[in-house]
Amino acid sequence: MKKIFMFLLSVLFITFTSQVHSYDATKYAICYGEMTKAHKARGFHQSNRSASILVKETVCKAYAEGEDLNYEGKGQ
């Protein structure tokens, strides 16, 4: 009985402490496109492509998960 109680308590704890992240693929795609355009305009995309991709992936993932960001190229 004690094991069942501990198991249920653990499940309850995990349920309440886990965070549900929403992800908007459209926001990600728009962000990625706008940032790529901005990076190309200032030469960052050509001069350091791997860093440009890493920055875009990191920023756009956070933006797609609902973070309120003012990323480079937003709205262009």
PDB file of N, CA and C in Angstrom:
ATOM      1  N   MET A   1       0.816  -1.181   0.000  1.00  0.00           N
ATOM      2  CA  MET A   1       0.000   0.000   0.000  1.00  0.00           C
ATOM      3  C   MET A   1       0.872   1.261   0.000  1.00  0.00           C
ATOM      4  N   LYS A   2       1.956   1.211   0.751  1.00  0.00           N
ATOM      5  CA  LYS A   2       2.858   2.346   0.833  1.00  0.00           C
ATOM      6  C   LYS A   2       3.500   2.613  -0.526  1.00  0.00           C
ATOM      7  N   LYS A   3       3.833   1.558  -1.260  1.00  0.00           N
ATOM      8  CA  LYS A   3       4.438   1.719  -2.580  1.00  0.00           C
ATOM      9  C   LYS A   3       3.457   2.360  -3.558  1.00  0.00           C
ATOM     10  N   ILE A   4       2.216   1.941  -3.503  1.00  0.00           N
ATOM     11  CA  ILE A   4       1.197   2.513  -4.381  1.00  0.00           C
ATOM     12  C   ILE A   4       1.012   3.998  -4.065  1.00  0.00           C
ATOM     13  N   PHE A   5       0.953   4.312  -2.794  1.00  0.00           N
ATOM     14  CA  PHE A   5       0.799   5.702  -2.378  1.00  0.00           C
ATOM     15  C   PHE A   5       1.975   6.543  -2.870  1.00  0.00           C
ATOM     16  N   MET A   6       3.186   6.042  -2.731  1.00  0.00           N
ATOM     17  CA  MET A   6       4.375   6.778  -3.175  1.00  0.00           C
ATOM     18  C   MET A   6       4.377   6.946  -4.698  1.00  0.00           C
ATOM     19  N   PHE A   7       3.937   5.906  -5.397  1.00  0.00           N
ATOM     20  CA  PHE A   7       3.869   5.973  -6.852  1.00  0.00           C
ATOM     21  C   PHE A   7       2.870   7.053  -7.281  1.00  0.00           C
ATOM     22  N   LEU A   8       1.687   7.045  -6.696  1.00  0.00           N
ATOM     23  CA  LEU A   8       0.673   8.045  -7.030  1.00  0.00           C
ATOM     24  C   LEU A   8       1.129   9.451  -6.674  1.00  0.00           C
ATOM     25  N   LEU A   9       1.791   9.577  -5.559  1.00  0.00           N
ATOM     26  CA  LEU A   9       2.327  10.867  -5.152  1.00  0.00           C
ATOM     27  C   LEU A   9       3.385  11.350  -6.143  1.00  0.00           C
ATOM     28  N   SER A  10       4.224  10.461  -6.607  1.00  0.00           N
ATOM     29  CA  SER A  10       5.258  10.803  -7.593  1.00  0.00           C
ATOM     30  C   SER A  10       4.631  11.245  -8.904  1.00  0.00           C
ATOM     31  N   VAL A  11       3.617  10.518  -9.353  1.00  0.00           N
ATOM     32  CA  VAL A  11       2.936  10.875 -10.600  1.00  0.00           C
ATOM     33  C   VAL A  11       2.283  12.240 -10.463  1.00  0.00           C
ATOM     34  N   LEU A  12       1.654  12.478  -9.347  1.00  0.00           N
ATOM     35  CA  LEU A  12       1.015  13.756  -9.095  1.00  0.00           C
ATOM     36  C   LEU A  12       2.043  14.890  -9.095  1.00  0.00           C
ATOM     37  N   PHE A  13       3.177  14.669  -8.463  1.00  0.00           N
ATOM     38  CA  PHE A  13       4.240  15.667  -8.409  1.00  0.00           C
ATOM     39  C   PHE A  13       4.776  15.973  -9.807  1.00  0.00           C
ATOM     40  N   ILE A  14       5.029  14.942 -10.581  1.00  0.00           N
ATOM     41  CA  ILE A  14       5.559  15.120 -11.935  1.00  0.00           C
ATOM     42  C   ILE A  14       4.548  15.865 -12.799  1.00  0.00           C
ATOM     43  N   THR A  15       3.278  15.535 -12.646  1.00  0.00           N
ATOM     44  CA  THR A  15       2.237  16.194 -13.423  1.00  0.00           C
ATOM     45  C   THR A  15       2.182  17.682 -13.140  1.00  0.00           C
ATOM     46  N   PHE A  16       2.260  18.053 -11.889  1.00  0.00           N
ATOM     47  CA  PHE A  16       2.166  19.463 -11.529  1.00  0.00           C
ATOM     48  C   PHE A  16       3.443  20.247 -11.801  1.00  0.00           C
ATOM     49  N   THR A  17       4.585  19.590 -11.798  1.00  0.00           N
ATOM     50  CA  THR A  17       5.835  20.325 -11.986  1.00  0.00           C
ATOM     51  C   THR A  17       6.296  20.388 -13.433  1.00  0.00           C
ATOM     52  N   SER A  18       5.742  19.529 -14.279  1.00  0.00           N
ATOM     53  CA  SER A  18       6.179  19.560 -15.677  1.00  0.00           C
ATOM     54  C   SER A  18       5.557  20.753 -16.371  1.00  0.00           C
ATOM     55  N   GLN A  19       6.328  21.367 -17.240  1.00  0.00           N
ATOM     56  CA  GLN A  19       5.849  22.525 -17.974  1.00  0.00           C
ATOM     57  C   GLN A  19       5.478  22.091 -19.382  1.00  0.00           C
ATOM     58  N   VAL A  20       4.380  22.597 -19.862  1.00  0.00           N
ATOM     59  CA  VAL A  20       3.944  22.296 -21.211  1.00  0.00           C
ATOM     60  C   VAL A  20       4.381  23.462 -22.094  1.00  0.00           C
ATOM     61  N   HIS A  21       5.172  23.149 -23.103  1.00  0.00           N
ATOM     62  CA  HIS A  21       5.659  24.182 -24.017  1.00  0.00           C
ATOM     63  C   HIS A  21       4.883  24.081 -25.323  1.00  0.00           C
ATOM     64  N   SER A  22       4.307  25.184 -25.723  1.00  0.00           N
ATOM     65  CA  SER A  22       3.672  25.206 -27.026  1.00  0.00           C
ATOM     66  C   SER A  22       4.730  25.638 -28.036  1.00  0.00           C
ATOM     67  N   TYR A  23       4.577  25.189 -29.245  1.00  0.00           N
ATOM     68  CA  TYR A  23       5.552  25.487 -30.283  1.00  0.00           C
ATOM     69  C   TYR A  23       4.789  25.865 -31.543  1.00  0.00           C
ATOM     70  N   ASP A  24       5.074  27.037 -32.085  1.00  0.00           N
ATOM     71  CA  ASP A  24       4.395  27.523 -33.277  1.00  0.00           C
ATOM     72  C   ASP A  24       5.374  27.470 -34.452  1.00  0.00           C
ATOM     73  N   ALA A  25       5.189  26.474 -35.314  1.00  0.00           N
ATOM     74  CA  ALA A  25       6.099  26.275 -36.448  1.00  0.00           C
ATOM     75  C   ALA A  25       6.047  27.444 -37.428  1.00  0.00           C
ATOM     76  N   THR A  26       4.895  28.080 -37.555  1.00  0.00           N
ATOM     77  CA  THR A  26       4.779  29.232 -38.457  1.00  0.00           C
ATOM     78  C   THR A  26       5.625  30.395 -37.954  1.00  0.00           C
ATOM     79  N   LYS A  27       5.564  30.641 -36.643  1.00  0.00           N
ATOM     80  CA  LYS A  27       6.388  31.714 -36.061  1.00  0.00           C
ATOM     81  C   LYS A  27       7.873  31.420 -36.282  1.00  0.00           C
ATOM     82  N   TYR A  28       8.254  30.157 -36.118  1.00  0.00           N
ATOM     83  CA  TYR A  28       9.655  29.762 -36.316  1.00  0.00           C
ATOM     84  C   TYR A  28      10.085  30.060 -37.752  1.00  0.00           C
ATOM     85  N   ALA A  29       9.270  29.645 -38.707  1.00  0.00           N
ATOM     86  CA  ALA A  29       9.620  29.824 -40.125  1.00  0.00           C
ATOM     87  C   ALA A  29       9.726  31.303 -40.495  1.00  0.00           C
ATOM     88  N   ILE A  30       8.794  32.108 -40.021  1.00  0.00           N
ATOM     89  CA  ILE A  30       8.834  33.548 -40.307  1.00  0.00           C
ATOM     90  C   ILE A  30      10.079  34.179 -39.687  1.00  0.00           C
ATOM     91  N   CYS A  31      10.340  33.853 -38.442  1.00  0.00           N
ATOM     92  CA  CYS A  31      11.518  34.363 -37.730  1.00  0.00           C
ATOM     93  C   CYS A  31      12.798  33.983 -38.478  1.00  0.00           C
ATOM     94  N   TYR A  32      12.897  32.708 -38.856  1.00  0.00           N
ATOM     95  CA  TYR A  32      14.101  32.206 -39.519  1.00  0.00           C
ATOM     96  C   TYR A  32      14.324  32.927 -40.851  1.00  0.00           C
ATOM     97  N   GLY A  33      13.251  33.120 -41.606  1.00  0.00           N
ATOM     98  CA  GLY A  33      13.359  33.817 -42.892  1.00  0.00           C
ATOM     99  C   GLY A  33      13.772  35.263 -42.730  1.00  0.00           C
ATOM    100  N   GLU A  34      13.159  35.956 -41.774  1.00  0.00           N
ATOM    101  CA  GLU A  34      13.498  37.363 -41.546  1.00  0.00           C
ATOM    102  C   GLU A  34      14.931  37.513 -41.049  1.00  0.00           C
ATOM    103  N   MET A  35      15.347  36.623 -40.167  1.00  0.00           N
ATOM    104  CA  MET A  35      16.727  36.711 -39.662  1.00  0.00           C
ATOM    105  C   MET A  35      17.739  36.373 -40.755  1.00  0.00           C
ATOM    106  N   THR A  36      17.418  35.413 -41.605  1.00  0.00           N
ATOM    107  CA  THR A  36      18.312  35.063 -42.712  1.00  0.00           C
ATOM    108  C   THR A  36      18.494  36.263 -43.633  1.00  0.00           C
ATOM    109  N   LYS A  37      17.396  36.923 -43.935  1.00  0.00           N
ATOM    110  CA  LYS A  37      17.460  38.119 -44.790  1.00  0.00           C
ATOM    111  C   LYS A  37      18.345  39.188 -44.149  1.00  0.00           C
ATOM    112  N   ALA A  38      18.172  39.414 -42.852  1.00  0.00           N
ATOM    113  CA  ALA A  38      18.975  40.420 -42.150  1.00  0.00           C
ATOM    114  C   ALA A  38      20.444  40.009 -42.089  1.00  0.00           C
ATOM    115  N   HIS A  39      20.724  38.741 -41.839  1.00  0.00           N
ATOM    116  CA  HIS A  39      22.107  38.263 -41.773  1.00  0.00           C
ATOM    117  C   HIS A  39      22.785  38.379 -43.134  1.00  0.00           C
ATOM    118  N   LYS A  40      22.043  38.078 -44.201  1.00  0.00           N
ATOM    119  CA  LYS A  40      22.614  38.207 -45.543  1.00  0.00           C
ATOM    120  C   LYS A  40      22.898  39.672 -45.873  1.00  0.00           C
ATOM    121  N   ALA A  41      22.006  40.561 -45.444  1.00  0.00           N
ATOM    122  CA  ALA A  41      22.171  41.994 -45.744  1.00  0.00           C
ATOM    123  C   ALA A  41      23.421  42.568 -45.112  1.00  0.00           C
ATOM    124  N   ARG A  42      23.813  42.068 -43.951  1.00  0.00           N
ATOM    125  CA  ARG A  42      25.022  42.609 -43.308  1.00  0.00           C
ATOM    126  C   ARG A  42      26.245  41.704 -43.466  1.00  0.00           C
ATOM    127  N   GLY A  43      26.095  40.623 -44.245  1.00  0.00           N
ATOM    128  CA  GLY A  43      27.233  39.764 -44.564  1.00  0.00           C
ATOM    129  C   GLY A  43      27.542  38.687 -43.544  1.00  0.00           C
ATOM    130  N   PHE A  44      26.775  38.599 -42.476  1.00  0.00           N
ATOM    131  CA  PHE A  44      27.043  37.597 -41.428  1.00  0.00           C
ATOM    132  C   PHE A  44      26.774  36.190 -41.938  1.00  0.00           C
ATOM    133  N   HIS A  45      25.738  36.035 -42.752  1.00  0.00           N
ATOM    134  CA  HIS A  45      25.368  34.721 -43.289  1.00  0.00           C
ATOM    135  C   HIS A  45      26.503  34.145 -44.149  1.00  0.00           C
ATOM    136  N   GLN A  46      27.166  35.001 -44.910  1.00  0.00           N
ATOM    137  CA  GLN A  46      28.238  34.550 -45.796  1.00  0.00           C
ATOM    138  C   GLN A  46      29.564  34.381 -45.055  1.00  0.00           C
ATOM    139  N   SER A  47      29.846  35.270 -44.123  1.00  0.00           N
ATOM    140  CA  SER A  47      31.159  35.249 -43.469  1.00  0.00           C
ATOM    141  C   SER A  47      31.276  34.194 -42.375  1.00  0.00           C
ATOM    142  N   ASN A  48      30.183  33.886 -41.718  1.00  0.00           N
ATOM    143  CA  ASN A  48      30.233  32.904 -40.628  1.00  0.00           C
ATOM    144  C   ASN A  48      28.902  32.142 -40.593  1.00  0.00           C
ATOM    145  N   ARG A  49      28.706  31.318 -41.605  1.00  0.00           N
ATOM    146  CA  ARG A  49      27.437  30.636 -41.805  1.00  0.00           C
ATOM    147  C   ARG A  49      27.030  29.765 -40.613  1.00  0.00           C
ATOM    148  N   SER A  50      27.977  29.023 -40.046  1.00  0.00           N
ATOM    149  CA  SER A  50      27.619  28.127 -38.931  1.00  0.00           C
ATOM    150  C   SER A  50      27.135  28.914 -37.711  1.00  0.00           C
ATOM    151  N   ALA A  51      27.770  30.046 -37.426  1.00  0.00           N
ATOM    152  CA  ALA A  51      27.330  30.878 -36.295  1.00  0.00           C
ATOM    153  C   ALA A  51      25.975  31.511 -36.603  1.00  0.00           C
ATOM    154  N   SER A  52      25.780  31.930 -37.852  1.00  0.00           N
ATOM    155  CA  SER A  52      24.510  32.515 -38.261  1.00  0.00           C
ATOM    156  C   SER A  52      23.369  31.520 -38.065  1.00  0.00           C
ATOM    157  N   ILE A  53      23.590  30.284 -38.465  1.00  0.00           N
ATOM    158  CA  ILE A  53      22.569  29.239 -38.319  1.00  0.00           C
ATOM    159  C   ILE A  53      22.285  28.966 -36.847  1.00  0.00           C
ATOM    160  N   LEU A  54      23.330  28.881 -36.043  1.00  0.00           N
ATOM    161  CA  LEU A  54      23.150  28.624 -34.610  1.00  0.00           C
ATOM    162  C   LEU A  54      22.347  29.744 -33.936  1.00  0.00           C
ATOM    163  N   VAL A  55      22.662  30.975 -34.272  1.00  0.00           N
ATOM    164  CA  VAL A  55      21.933  32.119 -33.710  1.00  0.00           C
ATOM    165  C   VAL A  55      20.465  32.056 -34.120  1.00  0.00           C
ATOM    166  N   LYS A  56      20.215  31.826 -35.400  1.00  0.00           N
ATOM    167  CA  LYS A  56      18.841  31.776 -35.898  1.00  0.00           C
ATOM    168  C   LYS A  56      18.057  30.645 -35.244  1.00  0.00           C
ATOM    169  N   GLU A  57      18.655  29.469 -35.144  1.00  0.00           N
ATOM    170  CA  GLU A  57      17.967  28.329 -34.538  1.00  0.00           C
ATOM    171  C   GLU A  57      17.633  28.599 -33.073  1.00  0.00           C
ATOM    172  N   THR A  58      18.570  29.163 -32.341  1.00  0.00           N
ATOM    173  CA  THR A  58      18.368  29.438 -30.915  1.00  0.00           C
ATOM    174  C   THR A  58      17.288  30.497 -30.690  1.00  0.00           C
ATOM    175  N   VAL A  59      17.412  31.612 -31.393  1.00  0.00           N
ATOM    176  CA  VAL A  59      16.471  32.718 -31.227  1.00  0.00           C
ATOM    177  C   VAL A  59      15.078  32.321 -31.707  1.00  0.00           C
ATOM    178  N   CYS A  60      14.988  31.712 -32.860  1.00  0.00           N
ATOM    179  CA  CYS A  60      13.684  31.385 -33.431  1.00  0.00           C
ATOM    180  C   CYS A  60      12.979  30.279 -32.659  1.00  0.00           C
ATOM    181  N   LYS A  61      13.717  29.369 -32.073  1.00  0.00           N
ATOM    182  CA  LYS A  61      13.109  28.332 -31.230  1.00  0.00           C
ATOM    183  C   LYS A  61      12.458  28.984 -30.011  1.00  0.00           C
ATOM    184  N   ALA A  62      13.179  29.890 -29.376  1.00  0.00           N
ATOM    185  CA  ALA A  62      12.628  30.597 -28.211  1.00  0.00           C
ATOM    186  C   ALA A  62      11.398  31.414 -28.612  1.00  0.00           C
ATOM    187  N   TYR A  63      11.472  32.073 -29.751  1.00  0.00           N
ATOM    188  CA  TYR A  63      10.348  32.878 -30.237  1.00  0.00           C
ATOM    189  C   TYR A  63       9.137  31.989 -30.538  1.00  0.00           C
ATOM    190  N   ALA A  64       9.368  30.838 -31.153  1.00  0.00           N
ATOM    191  CA  ALA A  64       8.279  29.910 -31.494  1.00  0.00           C
ATOM    192  C   ALA A  64       7.641  29.298 -30.251  1.00  0.00           C
ATOM    193  N   GLU A  65       8.396  29.244 -29.159  1.00  0.00           N
ATOM    194  CA  GLU A  65       7.865  28.703 -27.911  1.00  0.00           C
ATOM    195  C   GLU A  65       7.154  29.766 -27.077  1.00  0.00           C
ATOM    196  N   GLY A  66       7.047  30.976 -27.614  1.00  0.00           N
ATOM    197  CA  GLY A  66       6.254  32.003 -26.957  1.00  0.00           C
ATOM    198  C   GLY A  66       7.028  33.110 -26.278  1.00  0.00           C
ATOM    199  N   GLU A  67       8.334  33.076 -26.369  1.00  0.00           N
ATOM    200  CA  GLU A  67       9.142  34.143 -25.784  1.00  0.00           C
ATOM    201  C   GLU A  67       8.942  35.423 -26.592  1.00  0.00           C
ATOM    202  N   ASP A  68       8.758  36.534 -25.911  1.00  0.00           N
ATOM    203  CA  ASP A  68       8.544  37.816 -26.576  1.00  0.00           C
ATOM    204  C   ASP A  68       9.901  38.425 -26.914  1.00  0.00           C
ATOM    205  N   LEU A  69      10.315  38.291 -28.160  1.00  0.00           N
ATOM    206  CA  LEU A  69      11.640  38.738 -28.581  1.00  0.00           C
ATOM    207  C   LEU A  69      11.549  39.794 -29.672  1.00  0.00           C
ATOM    208  N   ASN A  70      12.532  40.639 -29.708  1.00  0.00           N
ATOM    209  CA  ASN A  70      12.678  41.633 -30.749  1.00  0.00           C
ATOM    210  C   ASN A  70      13.931  41.259 -31.533  1.00  0.00           C
ATOM    211  N   TYR A  71      13.851  40.195 -32.318  1.00  0.00           N
ATOM    212  CA  TYR A  71      15.014  39.668 -33.024  1.00  0.00           C
ATOM    213  C   TYR A  71      15.396  40.518 -34.236  1.00  0.00           C
ATOM    214  N   GLU A  72      16.616  40.343 -34.685  1.00  0.00           N
ATOM    215  CA  GLU A  72      17.131  41.083 -35.843  1.00  0.00           C
ATOM    216  C   GLU A  72      16.320  40.753 -37.101  1.00  0.00           C
ATOM    217  N   GLY A  73      15.818  41.771 -37.743  1.00  0.00           N
ATOM    218  CA  GLY A  73      15.052  41.585 -38.982  1.00  0.00           C
ATOM    219  C   GLY A  73      13.565  41.434 -38.763  1.00  0.00           C
ATOM    220  N   LYS A  74      13.106  41.504 -37.534  1.00  0.00           N
ATOM    221  CA  LYS A  74      11.677  41.296 -37.247  1.00  0.00           C
ATOM    222  C   LYS A  74      10.820  42.332 -37.956  1.00  0.00           C
ATOM    223  N   GLY A  75       9.817  41.849 -38.671  1.00  0.00           N
ATOM    224  CA  GLY A  75       8.887  42.720 -39.353  1.00  0.00           C
ATOM    225  C   GLY A  75       9.354  43.247 -40.692  1.00  0.00           C
ATOM    226  N   GLN A  76      10.461  42.742 -41.191  1.00  0.00           N
ATOM    227  CA  GLN A  76      10.983  43.238 -42.472  1.00  0.00           C
ATOM    228  C   GLN A  76      10.545  42.362 -43.613  1.00  0.00           C
TER     229      GLN A  76
END
